[in-house]
Amino acid sequence: MRPLMNIKICPTCGSNKVKHLQKDWVGKYKGTTYSVPSLNFFECPECGEKIYDKEAMLQIEEKSPALEFKRKKRKAA
């Protein structure tokens, strides 16, 4: 899947070495680790900044324990 945007310059440090990646992404929320397999995003090798398009954010939100209450509420409706 191709990203919805094409980032060439890091918004944090200005580096022009930003890379598009597709890899398993891991996050933490209140001590709980969760992952999103094969997530498309951009990352700056200079400063570590990660940039996500709308689709990537939706995938992260779908797995996030922080939003579990929202998912349960939608299923109940």
N, C-alpha and C. Protein backbone atom coordinates (compact mmCIF):
# COMPACT_ATOMS: atom_id res chain seq x y z
N MET A 1 0.84 -1.18 0.00
CA MET A 1 0.00 0.00 0.00
C MET A 1 0.89 1.25 0.00
N ARG A 2 0.59 2.17 -0.88
CA ARG A 2 1.36 3.41 -0.96
C ARG A 2 0.81 4.42 0.04
N PRO A 3 1.68 5.25 0.61
CA PRO A 3 1.23 6.26 1.57
C PRO A 3 0.38 7.33 0.89
N LEU A 4 -0.51 7.96 1.66
CA LEU A 4 -1.36 9.01 1.13
C LEU A 4 -0.60 10.32 0.95
N MET A 5 0.57 10.43 1.53
CA MET A 5 1.37 11.64 1.40
C MET A 5 2.80 11.24 1.09
N ASN A 6 3.58 12.21 0.63
CA ASN A 6 4.98 11.95 0.32
C ASN A 6 5.82 13.01 1.02
N ILE A 7 6.42 12.63 2.14
CA ILE A 7 7.22 13.53 2.94
C ILE A 7 8.68 13.43 2.50
N LYS A 8 9.30 14.56 2.21
CA LYS A 8 10.70 14.57 1.79
C LYS A 8 11.59 15.28 2.80
N ILE A 9 11.02 16.21 3.57
CA ILE A 9 11.78 16.99 4.54
C ILE A 9 11.19 16.76 5.93
N CYS A 10 12.05 16.49 6.91
CA CYS A 10 11.59 16.27 8.27
C CYS A 10 11.05 17.57 8.86
N PRO A 11 9.82 17.56 9.39
CA PRO A 11 9.25 18.77 9.96
C PRO A 11 9.91 19.18 11.28
N THR A 12 10.67 18.30 11.89
CA THR A 12 11.31 18.60 13.16
C THR A 12 12.73 19.15 12.99
N CYS A 13 13.55 18.44 12.21
CA CYS A 13 14.96 18.84 12.11
C CYS A 13 15.35 19.39 10.74
N GLY A 14 14.46 19.24 9.73
CA GLY A 14 14.75 19.75 8.39
C GLY A 14 15.59 18.83 7.52
N SER A 15 15.91 17.65 8.01
CA SER A 15 16.70 16.70 7.23
C SER A 15 15.95 16.30 5.96
N ASN A 16 16.71 16.06 4.89
CA ASN A 16 16.10 15.59 3.65
C ASN A 16 16.28 14.08 3.48
N LYS A 17 16.52 13.38 4.59
CA LYS A 17 16.75 11.93 4.56
C LYS A 17 15.56 11.12 5.04
N VAL A 18 14.39 11.72 5.09
CA VAL A 18 13.18 11.02 5.56
C VAL A 18 12.90 9.83 4.66
N LYS A 19 12.57 8.71 5.28
CA LYS A 19 12.32 7.46 4.55
C LYS A 19 10.90 6.96 4.78
N HIS A 20 10.30 6.42 3.72
CA HIS A 20 9.01 5.74 3.85
C HIS A 20 9.30 4.32 4.32
N LEU A 21 8.59 3.88 5.35
CA LEU A 21 8.77 2.54 5.90
C LEU A 21 7.44 1.80 5.92
N GLN A 22 7.53 0.51 5.81
CA GLN A 22 6.38 -0.36 6.07
C GLN A 22 6.91 -1.46 6.96
N LYS A 23 6.54 -1.38 8.24
CA LYS A 23 7.02 -2.37 9.19
C LYS A 23 6.08 -2.46 10.38
N ASP A 24 6.28 -3.50 11.16
CA ASP A 24 5.48 -3.65 12.37
C ASP A 24 5.81 -2.50 13.31
N TRP A 25 4.78 -1.84 13.80
CA TRP A 25 4.91 -0.67 14.67
C TRP A 25 4.48 -1.08 16.08
N VAL A 26 5.20 -0.60 17.09
CA VAL A 26 4.90 -0.93 18.48
C VAL A 26 4.70 0.35 19.27
N GLY A 27 3.63 0.37 20.07
CA GLY A 27 3.36 1.51 20.94
C GLY A 27 3.10 1.02 22.36
N LYS A 28 3.08 1.98 23.29
CA LYS A 28 2.78 1.66 24.69
C LYS A 28 1.77 2.66 25.21
N TYR A 29 0.87 2.17 26.05
CA TYR A 29 -0.10 3.02 26.72
C TYR A 29 -0.29 2.48 28.13
N LYS A 30 0.05 3.30 29.11
CA LYS A 30 -0.09 2.93 30.52
C LYS A 30 0.46 1.53 30.81
N GLY A 31 1.66 1.27 30.30
CA GLY A 31 2.31 0.00 30.55
C GLY A 31 1.88 -1.15 29.65
N THR A 32 0.87 -0.93 28.82
CA THR A 32 0.40 -1.97 27.89
C THR A 32 1.06 -1.75 26.53
N THR A 33 1.70 -2.78 26.03
CA THR A 33 2.32 -2.71 24.71
C THR A 33 1.33 -3.24 23.68
N TYR A 34 1.25 -2.55 22.55
CA TYR A 34 0.38 -3.00 21.46
C TYR A 34 1.10 -2.77 20.14
N SER A 35 0.66 -3.45 19.10
CA SER A 35 1.36 -3.32 17.82
C SER A 35 0.39 -3.24 16.66
N VAL A 36 0.90 -2.67 15.57
CA VAL A 36 0.17 -2.59 14.31
C VAL A 36 1.09 -3.23 13.26
N PRO A 37 0.69 -4.37 12.69
CA PRO A 37 1.55 -5.02 11.71
C PRO A 37 1.57 -4.27 10.38
N SER A 38 2.73 -4.23 9.76
CA SER A 38 2.92 -3.67 8.41
C SER A 38 2.38 -2.25 8.27
N LEU A 39 2.64 -1.40 9.22
CA LEU A 39 2.17 -0.01 9.17
C LEU A 39 3.03 0.80 8.21
N ASN A 40 2.40 1.62 7.36
CA ASN A 40 3.09 2.55 6.46
C ASN A 40 3.25 3.89 7.17
N PHE A 41 4.48 4.38 7.27
CA PHE A 41 4.73 5.70 7.85
C PHE A 41 6.09 6.20 7.38
N PHE A 42 6.41 7.43 7.75
CA PHE A 42 7.70 8.02 7.41
C PHE A 42 8.50 8.20 8.69
N GLU A 43 9.83 8.07 8.56
CA GLU A 43 10.68 8.24 9.72
C GLU A 43 11.97 8.95 9.31
N CYS A 44 12.41 9.87 10.16
CA CYS A 44 13.66 10.59 9.93
C CYS A 44 14.79 9.86 10.64
N PRO A 45 15.82 9.43 9.89
CA PRO A 45 16.93 8.74 10.53
C PRO A 45 17.82 9.69 11.34
N GLU A 46 17.70 10.99 11.11
CA GLU A 46 18.52 11.96 11.82
C GLU A 46 18.02 12.22 13.24
N CYS A 47 16.72 12.44 13.39
CA CYS A 47 16.18 12.80 14.72
C CYS A 47 15.18 11.79 15.27
N GLY A 48 14.75 10.82 14.45
CA GLY A 48 13.81 9.80 14.90
C GLY A 48 12.35 10.19 14.78
N GLU A 49 12.05 11.37 14.27
CA GLU A 49 10.65 11.81 14.09
C GLU A 49 9.90 10.82 13.20
N LYS A 50 8.68 10.49 13.62
CA LYS A 50 7.81 9.62 12.82
C LYS A 50 6.62 10.44 12.36
N ILE A 51 6.25 10.28 11.09
CA ILE A 51 5.14 11.03 10.50
C ILE A 51 4.15 10.03 9.95
N TYR A 52 2.88 10.19 10.35
CA TYR A 52 1.82 9.25 9.97
C TYR A 52 0.75 9.95 9.15
N ASP A 53 0.28 9.29 8.10
CA ASP A 53 -0.84 9.83 7.35
C ASP A 53 -2.14 9.40 8.04
N LYS A 54 -3.25 9.82 7.49
CA LYS A 54 -4.55 9.55 8.11
C LYS A 54 -4.82 8.05 8.25
N GLU A 55 -4.50 7.28 7.22
CA GLU A 55 -4.74 5.84 7.25
C GLU A 55 -3.91 5.18 8.35
N ALA A 56 -2.65 5.57 8.48
CA ALA A 56 -1.79 5.01 9.53
C ALA A 56 -2.35 5.35 10.91
N MET A 57 -2.81 6.57 11.09
CA MET A 57 -3.37 6.98 12.39
C MET A 57 -4.62 6.17 12.71
N LEU A 58 -5.46 5.92 11.72
CA LEU A 58 -6.66 5.10 11.95
C LEU A 58 -6.28 3.68 12.37
N GLN A 59 -5.24 3.13 11.75
CA GLN A 59 -4.79 1.79 12.12
C GLN A 59 -4.24 1.76 13.54
N ILE A 60 -3.48 2.78 13.93
CA ILE A 60 -2.96 2.87 15.29
C ILE A 60 -4.09 3.02 16.29
N GLU A 61 -5.04 3.89 15.99
CA GLU A 61 -6.18 4.11 16.89
C GLU A 61 -7.01 2.84 17.06
N GLU A 62 -7.11 2.05 16.02
CA GLU A 62 -7.90 0.80 16.09
C GLU A 62 -7.28 -0.20 17.07
N LYS A 63 -5.98 -0.16 17.23
CA LYS A 63 -5.29 -1.09 18.13
C LYS A 63 -5.02 -0.50 19.52
N SER A 64 -5.12 0.80 19.66
CA SER A 64 -4.72 1.47 20.90
C SER A 64 -5.63 1.13 22.08
N PRO A 65 -5.04 0.70 23.20
CA PRO A 65 -5.85 0.46 24.40
C PRO A 65 -6.46 1.75 24.95
N ALA A 66 -5.90 2.88 24.61
CA ALA A 66 -6.43 4.16 25.07
C ALA A 66 -7.83 4.42 24.50
N LEU A 67 -8.13 3.83 23.36
CA LEU A 67 -9.42 4.06 22.70
C LEU A 67 -10.34 2.85 22.77
N GLU A 68 -10.02 1.90 23.60
CA GLU A 68 -10.82 0.68 23.72
C GLU A 68 -12.27 0.99 24.12
N PHE A 69 -12.44 1.94 25.04
CA PHE A 69 -13.80 2.31 25.48
C PHE A 69 -14.63 2.83 24.31
N LYS A 70 -13.99 3.56 23.41
CA LYS A 70 -14.70 4.12 22.24
C LYS A 70 -15.13 3.00 21.29
N ARG A 71 -14.27 2.01 21.09
CA ARG A 71 -14.61 0.88 20.22
C ARG A 71 -15.75 0.07 20.80
N LYS A 72 -15.73 -0.16 22.12
CA LYS A 72 -16.80 -0.91 22.77
C LYS A 72 -18.12 -0.16 22.66
N LYS A 73 -18.07 1.15 22.79
CA LYS A 73 -19.29 1.97 22.70
C LYS A 73 -19.89 1.88 21.30
N ARG A 74 -19.03 1.90 20.27
CA ARG A 74 -19.52 1.79 18.89
C ARG A 74 -20.16 0.44 18.64
N LYS A 75 -19.56 -0.62 19.17
CA LYS A 75 -20.11 -1.97 18.96
C LYS A 75 -21.44 -2.15 19.66
N ALA A 76 -21.63 -1.48 20.79
CA ALA A 76 -22.86 -1.60 21.55
C ALA A 76 -24.02 -0.85 20.90
N ALA A 77 -23.68 0.14 20.09
CA ALA A 77 -24.73 0.98 19.47
C ALA A 77 -25.42 0.29 18.33
